């Protein structure tokens, strides 16, 4: 699954799509874009498509990523310290980063009801975009795509 806001840069799988980034976070692996680009197109598609919900699926996913890094990359595996699952899995608590990014972009943050209604992957995407140093230009397009921001007040006159 690709979001519309990421089709330009992730549609070709040259960049790591949110669905794969979420799974990598779940299995506590930090994958660089350089490592991602060393995987074949089929391997990248596989990592986007493989399920990663149950403990068994997560083990299979992690093992697959570890294997690909070992055979394709000249960089070592970089584990994440701990999974950061609580933020996007909690529909009742919006992270401060999302509120700050909305304020920085001059748009209203999601209401508590809007935040709760988002799918977990949508919440994950907004959190990642809010915390990113180089991708937050997609924060507002993502909010629009997810139906949180109906009209961009920055363009209203």
N, C-alpha and C. Protein backbone atom coordinates (compact mmCIF):
# COMPACT_ATOMS: atom_id res chain seq x y z
N UNK A 1 0.84 -1.18 0.00
CA UNK A 1 0.00 0.00 0.00
C UNK A 1 0.88 1.25 0.00
N UNK A 2 0.66 2.09 -0.97
CA UNK A 2 1.36 3.37 -1.03
C UNK A 2 0.34 4.49 -0.85
N UNK A 3 0.75 5.50 -0.12
CA UNK A 3 -0.09 6.68 -0.01
C UNK A 3 0.13 7.54 -1.24
N UNK A 4 -0.86 8.34 -1.56
CA UNK A 4 -0.76 9.22 -2.73
C UNK A 4 0.40 10.21 -2.57
N UNK A 5 0.61 10.74 -1.36
CA UNK A 5 1.66 11.73 -1.16
C UNK A 5 3.06 11.17 -1.37
N UNK A 6 3.21 9.85 -1.35
CA UNK A 6 4.53 9.25 -1.53
C UNK A 6 4.71 8.57 -2.89
N UNK A 7 3.71 8.63 -3.74
CA UNK A 7 3.79 7.95 -5.04
C UNK A 7 4.96 8.44 -5.89
N UNK A 8 5.21 9.76 -5.88
CA UNK A 8 6.29 10.31 -6.70
C UNK A 8 7.65 9.74 -6.33
N UNK A 9 7.89 9.59 -5.03
CA UNK A 9 9.22 9.17 -4.61
C UNK A 9 9.28 7.72 -4.14
N UNK A 10 8.17 7.12 -3.79
CA UNK A 10 8.19 5.74 -3.32
C UNK A 10 7.51 4.78 -4.28
N UNK A 11 6.77 5.31 -5.23
CA UNK A 11 6.05 4.46 -6.17
C UNK A 11 6.95 3.52 -6.94
N UNK A 12 8.13 3.96 -7.26
CA UNK A 12 9.09 3.12 -7.98
C UNK A 12 9.88 2.25 -7.01
N UNK A 13 9.62 2.44 -5.72
CA UNK A 13 10.34 1.76 -4.64
C UNK A 13 11.81 2.17 -4.58
N UNK A 14 12.13 3.32 -5.17
CA UNK A 14 13.49 3.87 -4.99
C UNK A 14 13.67 4.35 -3.56
N UNK A 15 12.59 4.83 -2.97
CA UNK A 15 12.61 5.26 -1.57
C UNK A 15 11.79 4.27 -0.75
N UNK A 16 12.01 4.27 0.54
CA UNK A 16 11.33 3.33 1.42
C UNK A 16 9.91 3.84 1.70
N UNK A 17 8.90 3.10 1.26
CA UNK A 17 7.53 3.55 1.51
C UNK A 17 7.16 3.42 2.99
N UNK A 18 6.18 4.18 3.42
CA UNK A 18 5.76 4.18 4.82
C UNK A 18 5.41 2.78 5.32
N UNK A 19 4.77 1.98 4.48
CA UNK A 19 4.38 0.64 4.90
C UNK A 19 5.62 -0.19 5.28
N UNK A 20 6.70 -0.05 4.53
CA UNK A 20 7.94 -0.78 4.85
C UNK A 20 8.64 -0.13 6.05
N UNK A 21 8.60 1.19 6.14
CA UNK A 21 9.22 1.87 7.28
C UNK A 21 8.55 1.46 8.58
N UNK A 22 7.22 1.33 8.54
CA UNK A 22 6.50 0.90 9.73
C UNK A 22 6.95 -0.50 10.15
N UNK A 23 7.05 -1.39 9.19
CA UNK A 23 7.46 -2.77 9.50
C UNK A 23 8.89 -2.82 10.02
N UNK A 24 9.76 -2.01 9.44
CA UNK A 24 11.15 -1.95 9.92
C UNK A 24 11.20 -1.44 11.36
N UNK A 25 10.38 -0.47 11.69
CA UNK A 25 10.31 0.01 13.07
C UNK A 25 9.80 -1.09 14.00
N UNK A 26 8.81 -1.82 13.55
CA UNK A 26 8.24 -2.90 14.37
C UNK A 26 9.31 -3.93 14.72
N UNK A 27 10.17 -4.26 13.74
CA UNK A 27 11.20 -5.28 13.99
C UNK A 27 12.52 -4.66 14.46
N UNK A 28 12.50 -3.36 14.74
CA UNK A 28 13.65 -2.64 15.33
C UNK A 28 14.89 -2.65 14.45
N UNK A 29 14.70 -2.38 13.15
CA UNK A 29 15.83 -2.27 12.24
C UNK A 29 15.81 -0.90 11.59
N UNK A 30 16.94 -0.22 11.67
CA UNK A 30 17.10 1.06 10.98
C UNK A 30 17.79 0.75 9.65
N UNK A 31 17.08 0.97 8.58
CA UNK A 31 17.59 0.68 7.24
C UNK A 31 17.87 1.99 6.53
N UNK A 32 19.07 2.15 6.03
CA UNK A 32 19.40 3.37 5.30
C UNK A 32 18.84 3.29 3.88
N UNK A 33 18.68 4.44 3.27
CA UNK A 33 18.23 4.47 1.88
C UNK A 33 19.27 3.78 0.99
N UNK A 34 20.52 3.91 1.35
CA UNK A 34 21.59 3.25 0.59
C UNK A 34 21.43 1.73 0.64
N UNK A 35 21.14 1.21 1.83
CA UNK A 35 20.91 -0.24 1.95
C UNK A 35 19.68 -0.65 1.16
N UNK A 36 18.61 0.09 1.30
CA UNK A 36 17.36 -0.20 0.57
C UNK A 36 17.63 -0.27 -0.93
N UNK A 37 18.43 0.67 -1.43
CA UNK A 37 18.69 0.72 -2.87
C UNK A 37 19.56 -0.43 -3.35
N UNK A 38 20.21 -1.12 -2.44
CA UNK A 38 21.02 -2.27 -2.84
C UNK A 38 20.20 -3.55 -2.96
N UNK A 39 18.96 -3.51 -2.51
CA UNK A 39 18.06 -4.65 -2.69
C UNK A 39 17.49 -4.58 -4.11
N UNK A 40 17.14 -5.73 -4.66
CA UNK A 40 16.51 -5.74 -5.99
C UNK A 40 15.09 -5.15 -5.87
N UNK A 41 14.54 -4.76 -6.99
CA UNK A 41 13.17 -4.22 -7.02
C UNK A 41 12.20 -5.23 -6.43
N UNK A 42 12.39 -6.50 -6.75
CA UNK A 42 11.52 -7.56 -6.24
C UNK A 42 11.66 -7.71 -4.73
N UNK A 43 12.88 -7.59 -4.22
CA UNK A 43 13.10 -7.69 -2.77
C UNK A 43 12.46 -6.51 -2.04
N UNK A 44 12.55 -5.32 -2.63
CA UNK A 44 11.92 -4.15 -2.01
C UNK A 44 10.40 -4.30 -2.00
N UNK A 45 9.85 -4.80 -3.10
CA UNK A 45 8.40 -5.03 -3.16
C UNK A 45 7.99 -6.08 -2.13
N UNK A 46 8.81 -7.10 -1.99
CA UNK A 46 8.53 -8.14 -0.99
C UNK A 46 8.49 -7.55 0.42
N UNK A 47 9.44 -6.66 0.75
CA UNK A 47 9.47 -6.05 2.07
C UNK A 47 8.29 -5.11 2.30
N UNK A 48 7.79 -4.54 1.24
CA UNK A 48 6.59 -3.70 1.36
C UNK A 48 5.35 -4.57 1.56
N UNK A 49 5.33 -5.76 0.96
CA UNK A 49 4.13 -6.61 0.96
C UNK A 49 4.07 -7.64 2.09
N UNK A 50 5.22 -8.09 2.58
CA UNK A 50 5.21 -9.13 3.61
C UNK A 50 4.41 -8.70 4.83
N UNK A 51 3.60 -9.60 5.39
CA UNK A 51 2.88 -9.24 6.60
C UNK A 51 3.83 -9.14 7.80
N UNK A 52 3.46 -8.32 8.75
CA UNK A 52 4.32 -8.09 9.91
C UNK A 52 3.48 -7.77 11.14
N UNK A 53 2.41 -8.54 11.33
CA UNK A 53 1.48 -8.26 12.42
C UNK A 53 1.73 -9.16 13.62
N UNK A 54 1.77 -10.46 13.39
CA UNK A 54 1.94 -11.40 14.50
C UNK A 54 3.43 -11.53 14.85
N UNK A 55 3.69 -12.10 16.00
CA UNK A 55 5.08 -12.31 16.42
C UNK A 55 5.80 -13.20 15.42
N UNK A 56 5.13 -14.23 14.93
CA UNK A 56 5.75 -15.12 13.94
C UNK A 56 6.05 -14.37 12.64
N UNK A 57 5.13 -13.55 12.17
CA UNK A 57 5.36 -12.76 10.95
C UNK A 57 6.50 -11.77 11.16
N UNK A 58 6.57 -11.19 12.33
CA UNK A 58 7.65 -10.24 12.64
C UNK A 58 9.00 -10.94 12.64
N UNK A 59 9.05 -12.15 13.15
CA UNK A 59 10.30 -12.92 13.14
C UNK A 59 10.72 -13.22 11.70
N UNK A 60 9.78 -13.64 10.87
CA UNK A 60 10.07 -13.93 9.46
C UNK A 60 10.53 -12.64 8.77
N UNK A 61 9.85 -11.53 9.01
CA UNK A 61 10.20 -10.25 8.38
C UNK A 61 11.61 -9.83 8.79
N UNK A 62 11.87 -9.86 10.08
CA UNK A 62 13.19 -9.46 10.59
C UNK A 62 14.28 -10.34 9.99
N UNK A 63 14.06 -11.65 9.98
CA UNK A 63 15.05 -12.58 9.42
C UNK A 63 15.31 -12.28 7.95
N UNK A 64 14.26 -11.93 7.22
CA UNK A 64 14.41 -11.62 5.79
C UNK A 64 15.24 -10.35 5.59
N UNK A 65 14.96 -9.33 6.38
CA UNK A 65 15.72 -8.07 6.26
C UNK A 65 17.18 -8.31 6.65
N UNK A 66 17.40 -9.02 7.73
CA UNK A 66 18.77 -9.32 8.17
C UNK A 66 19.52 -10.06 7.07
N UNK A 67 18.88 -11.05 6.47
CA UNK A 67 19.51 -11.81 5.38
C UNK A 67 19.85 -10.90 4.19
N UNK A 68 18.91 -10.06 3.80
CA UNK A 68 19.15 -9.16 2.67
C UNK A 68 20.30 -8.20 2.95
N UNK A 69 20.36 -7.69 4.16
CA UNK A 69 21.47 -6.80 4.51
C UNK A 69 22.80 -7.55 4.44
N UNK A 70 22.81 -8.78 4.94
CA UNK A 70 24.05 -9.57 4.93
C UNK A 70 24.53 -9.87 3.52
N UNK A 71 23.62 -10.19 2.61
CA UNK A 71 24.03 -10.61 1.27
C UNK A 71 24.12 -9.47 0.26
N UNK A 72 23.44 -8.36 0.51
CA UNK A 72 23.40 -7.28 -0.49
C UNK A 72 24.18 -6.03 -0.11
N UNK A 73 24.42 -5.83 1.18
CA UNK A 73 24.92 -4.53 1.62
C UNK A 73 26.33 -4.59 2.16
N UNK A 74 27.02 -3.48 2.00
CA UNK A 74 28.36 -3.37 2.57
C UNK A 74 28.32 -2.59 3.89
N UNK A 75 27.12 -2.33 4.41
CA UNK A 75 26.94 -1.68 5.69
C UNK A 75 26.35 -2.71 6.65
N UNK A 76 26.70 -2.63 7.92
CA UNK A 76 26.16 -3.60 8.88
C UNK A 76 24.71 -3.30 9.25
N UNK A 77 24.08 -4.27 9.84
CA UNK A 77 22.75 -4.11 10.40
C UNK A 77 22.81 -3.05 11.50
N UNK A 78 21.85 -2.13 11.48
CA UNK A 78 21.78 -1.11 12.53
C UNK A 78 20.45 -1.28 13.26
N UNK A 79 20.50 -1.87 14.45
CA UNK A 79 19.25 -2.06 15.18
C UNK A 79 18.76 -0.76 15.81
N UNK A 80 17.45 -0.64 15.92
CA UNK A 80 16.86 0.45 16.68
C UNK A 80 16.88 0.04 18.15
N UNK A 81 17.05 0.99 19.02
CA UNK A 81 17.16 0.69 20.45
C UNK A 81 15.94 -0.07 20.96
N UNK A 82 14.77 0.40 20.62
CA UNK A 82 13.54 -0.24 21.07
C UNK A 82 12.43 0.14 20.10
N UNK A 83 11.44 -0.71 19.98
CA UNK A 83 10.34 -0.35 19.08
C UNK A 83 9.60 0.88 19.59
N UNK A 84 9.24 1.75 18.67
CA UNK A 84 8.49 2.96 19.01
C UNK A 84 7.05 2.75 18.59
N UNK A 85 6.42 1.78 19.18
CA UNK A 85 5.08 1.41 18.74
C UNK A 85 3.98 2.20 19.42
N UNK A 86 4.24 2.67 20.62
CA UNK A 86 3.16 3.25 21.41
C UNK A 86 2.52 4.47 20.75
N UNK A 87 3.28 5.32 20.11
CA UNK A 87 2.73 6.55 19.55
C UNK A 87 1.65 6.30 18.50
N UNK A 88 1.94 5.52 17.50
CA UNK A 88 0.97 5.35 16.43
C UNK A 88 -0.08 4.30 16.75
N UNK A 89 0.15 3.50 17.76
CA UNK A 89 -0.85 2.49 18.13
C UNK A 89 -1.87 3.03 19.13
N UNK A 90 -1.65 4.24 19.61
CA UNK A 90 -2.56 4.80 20.60
C UNK A 90 -3.44 5.88 19.98
N UNK A 91 -4.66 5.51 19.63
CA UNK A 91 -5.55 6.49 19.00
C UNK A 91 -6.02 7.58 19.95
N UNK A 92 -5.82 7.39 21.25
CA UNK A 92 -6.30 8.37 22.23
C UNK A 92 -5.25 9.42 22.61
N UNK A 93 -4.03 9.30 22.05
CA UNK A 93 -2.97 10.24 22.45
C UNK A 93 -2.15 10.65 21.24
N UNK A 94 -2.35 11.89 20.82
CA UNK A 94 -1.60 12.42 19.69
C UNK A 94 -0.24 12.95 20.18
N UNK A 95 0.85 12.53 19.53
CA UNK A 95 2.17 13.01 19.95
C UNK A 95 2.34 14.51 19.72
N UNK A 96 3.10 15.13 20.59
CA UNK A 96 3.39 16.56 20.49
C UNK A 96 4.02 16.92 19.15
N UNK A 97 4.82 16.01 18.60
CA UNK A 97 5.50 16.29 17.32
C UNK A 97 4.49 16.60 16.22
N UNK A 98 3.36 15.92 16.22
CA UNK A 98 2.33 16.16 15.20
C UNK A 98 1.72 17.55 15.40
N UNK A 99 1.45 17.90 16.63
CA UNK A 99 0.88 19.22 16.92
C UNK A 99 1.87 20.32 16.52
N UNK A 100 3.14 20.14 16.90
CA UNK A 100 4.17 21.14 16.56
C UNK A 100 4.34 21.28 15.05
N UNK A 101 4.33 20.16 14.32
CA UNK A 101 4.50 20.23 12.87
C UNK A 101 3.32 20.95 12.22
N UNK A 102 2.11 20.65 12.68
CA UNK A 102 0.93 21.34 12.14
C UNK A 102 1.05 22.84 12.39
N UNK A 103 1.45 23.22 13.60
CA UNK A 103 1.61 24.64 13.91
C UNK A 103 2.69 25.26 13.04
N UNK A 104 3.80 24.55 12.85
CA UNK A 104 4.90 25.07 12.01
C UNK A 104 4.44 25.26 10.57
N UNK A 105 3.51 24.41 10.11
CA UNK A 105 3.00 24.50 8.75
C UNK A 105 1.80 25.44 8.64
N UNK A 106 1.37 26.00 9.76
CA UNK A 106 0.26 26.95 9.73
C UNK A 106 -1.08 26.31 9.48
N UNK A 107 -1.25 25.05 9.88
CA UNK A 107 -2.51 24.35 9.71
C UNK A 107 -2.96 23.82 11.07
N UNK A 108 -4.26 23.61 11.24
CA UNK A 108 -4.73 23.07 12.52
C UNK A 108 -4.32 21.60 12.65
N UNK A 109 -3.91 21.18 13.85
CA UNK A 109 -3.60 19.77 14.04
C UNK A 109 -4.89 18.94 14.00
N UNK A 110 -4.76 17.65 13.85
CA UNK A 110 -5.98 16.81 13.89
C UNK A 110 -6.69 16.98 15.23
N UNK A 111 -7.99 16.93 15.20
CA UNK A 111 -8.74 16.93 16.45
C UNK A 111 -8.56 15.55 17.09
N UNK A 112 -8.85 15.41 18.37
CA UNK A 112 -8.77 14.07 18.98
C UNK A 112 -9.62 13.03 18.26
N UNK A 113 -10.81 13.42 17.80
CA UNK A 113 -11.66 12.47 17.07
C UNK A 113 -11.05 12.10 15.73
N UNK A 114 -10.47 13.08 15.03
CA UNK A 114 -9.82 12.78 13.75
C UNK A 114 -8.62 11.85 13.97
N UNK A 115 -7.82 12.14 14.99
CA UNK A 115 -6.65 11.31 15.27
C UNK A 115 -7.08 9.87 15.56
N UNK A 116 -8.12 9.71 16.38
CA UNK A 116 -8.59 8.39 16.75
C UNK A 116 -9.15 7.63 15.54
N UNK A 117 -9.71 8.36 14.57
CA UNK A 117 -10.32 7.71 13.40
C UNK A 117 -9.29 7.28 12.36
N UNK A 118 -8.06 7.78 12.45
CA UNK A 118 -7.04 7.41 11.47
C UNK A 118 -6.65 5.94 11.63
N UNK A 119 -6.27 5.33 10.53
CA UNK A 119 -5.71 3.98 10.58
C UNK A 119 -4.34 4.04 11.24
N UNK A 120 -3.89 2.96 11.87
CA UNK A 120 -2.56 2.97 12.49
C UNK A 120 -1.45 3.40 11.52
N UNK A 121 -1.50 2.95 10.27
CA UNK A 121 -0.46 3.33 9.31
C UNK A 121 -0.52 4.83 9.00
N UNK A 122 -1.72 5.40 8.99
CA UNK A 122 -1.84 6.84 8.77
C UNK A 122 -1.25 7.61 9.95
N UNK A 123 -1.53 7.16 11.17
CA UNK A 123 -0.93 7.81 12.34
C UNK A 123 0.59 7.67 12.30
N UNK A 124 1.07 6.50 11.93
CA UNK A 124 2.51 6.27 11.81
C UNK A 124 3.12 7.26 10.82
N UNK A 125 2.47 7.42 9.66
CA UNK A 125 2.99 8.31 8.62
C UNK A 125 3.05 9.75 9.12
N UNK A 126 2.01 10.23 9.77
CA UNK A 126 2.02 11.61 10.26
C UNK A 126 3.11 11.81 11.32
N UNK A 127 3.29 10.83 12.17
CA UNK A 127 4.34 10.94 13.19
C UNK A 127 5.71 10.96 12.53
N UNK A 128 5.95 10.06 11.57
CA UNK A 128 7.24 10.03 10.87
C UNK A 128 7.49 11.34 10.14
N UNK A 129 6.48 11.83 9.46
CA UNK A 129 6.63 13.08 8.72
C UNK A 129 6.85 14.26 9.66
N UNK A 130 6.23 14.22 10.81
CA UNK A 130 6.40 15.31 11.78
C UNK A 130 7.78 15.29 12.41
N UNK A 131 8.36 14.12 12.54
CA UNK A 131 9.67 13.99 13.19
C UNK A 131 10.82 14.06 12.21
N UNK A 132 10.52 13.98 10.93
CA UNK A 132 11.56 13.94 9.91
C UNK A 132 12.16 15.32 9.69
N UNK A 133 13.45 15.33 9.47
CA UNK A 133 14.14 16.60 9.19
C UNK A 133 14.04 16.95 7.70
N UNK A 134 13.86 15.95 6.83
CA UNK A 134 13.92 16.23 5.40
C UNK A 134 12.64 15.88 4.65
N UNK A 135 11.64 15.30 5.30
CA UNK A 135 10.44 14.90 4.58
C UNK A 135 9.19 15.60 5.04
N UNK A 136 9.31 16.58 5.93
CA UNK A 136 8.09 17.15 6.46
C UNK A 136 7.31 18.01 5.46
N UNK A 137 7.84 18.21 4.26
CA UNK A 137 7.05 18.91 3.24
C UNK A 137 5.85 18.06 2.81
N UNK A 138 5.84 16.80 3.17
CA UNK A 138 4.72 15.92 2.85
C UNK A 138 3.70 15.83 3.98
N UNK A 139 3.95 16.54 5.07
CA UNK A 139 3.04 16.48 6.21
C UNK A 139 1.65 17.01 5.84
N UNK A 140 1.59 18.20 5.25
CA UNK A 140 0.31 18.78 4.87
C UNK A 140 -0.38 17.95 3.78
N UNK A 141 0.32 17.51 2.72
CA UNK A 141 -0.34 16.64 1.76
C UNK A 141 -0.88 15.35 2.39
N UNK A 142 -0.17 14.80 3.35
CA UNK A 142 -0.65 13.59 4.03
C UNK A 142 -1.91 13.91 4.84
N UNK A 143 -1.92 15.04 5.53
CA UNK A 143 -3.10 15.42 6.31
C UNK A 143 -4.31 15.58 5.38
N UNK A 144 -4.11 16.17 4.21
CA UNK A 144 -5.20 16.31 3.24
C UNK A 144 -5.66 14.93 2.77
N UNK A 145 -4.70 14.09 2.40
CA UNK A 145 -5.04 12.76 1.89
C UNK A 145 -5.83 11.95 2.91
N UNK A 146 -5.49 12.09 4.18
CA UNK A 146 -6.14 11.32 5.24
C UNK A 146 -7.48 11.94 5.67
N UNK A 147 -7.86 13.07 5.04
CA UNK A 147 -9.13 13.71 5.34
C UNK A 147 -9.12 14.51 6.62
N UNK A 148 -7.94 14.77 7.16
CA UNK A 148 -7.82 15.54 8.40
C UNK A 148 -7.85 17.04 8.10
N UNK A 149 -7.29 17.41 6.98
CA UNK A 149 -7.22 18.81 6.58
C UNK A 149 -8.02 18.95 5.30
N UNK A 150 -9.20 19.50 5.41
CA UNK A 150 -10.09 19.60 4.26
C UNK A 150 -9.63 20.71 3.32
N UNK A 151 -9.19 21.80 3.89
CA UNK A 151 -8.75 22.95 3.10
C UNK A 151 -7.47 23.47 3.75
N UNK A 152 -6.50 23.79 2.95
CA UNK A 152 -5.24 24.33 3.47
C UNK A 152 -5.42 25.82 3.68
N UNK A 153 -5.49 26.27 4.96
CA UNK A 153 -5.70 27.69 5.21
C UNK A 153 -4.56 28.58 4.71
N UNK A 154 -3.43 27.99 4.40
CA UNK A 154 -2.31 28.79 3.90
C UNK A 154 -2.60 29.31 2.50
N UNK A 155 -3.52 28.63 1.77
CA UNK A 155 -3.82 29.07 0.41
C UNK A 155 -5.13 29.86 0.34
N UNK A 156 -5.90 29.85 1.41
CA UNK A 156 -7.14 30.62 1.43
C UNK A 156 -6.83 32.11 1.52
N UNK A 157 -7.58 32.89 0.79
CA UNK A 157 -7.35 34.34 0.84
C UNK A 157 -8.65 35.09 0.82
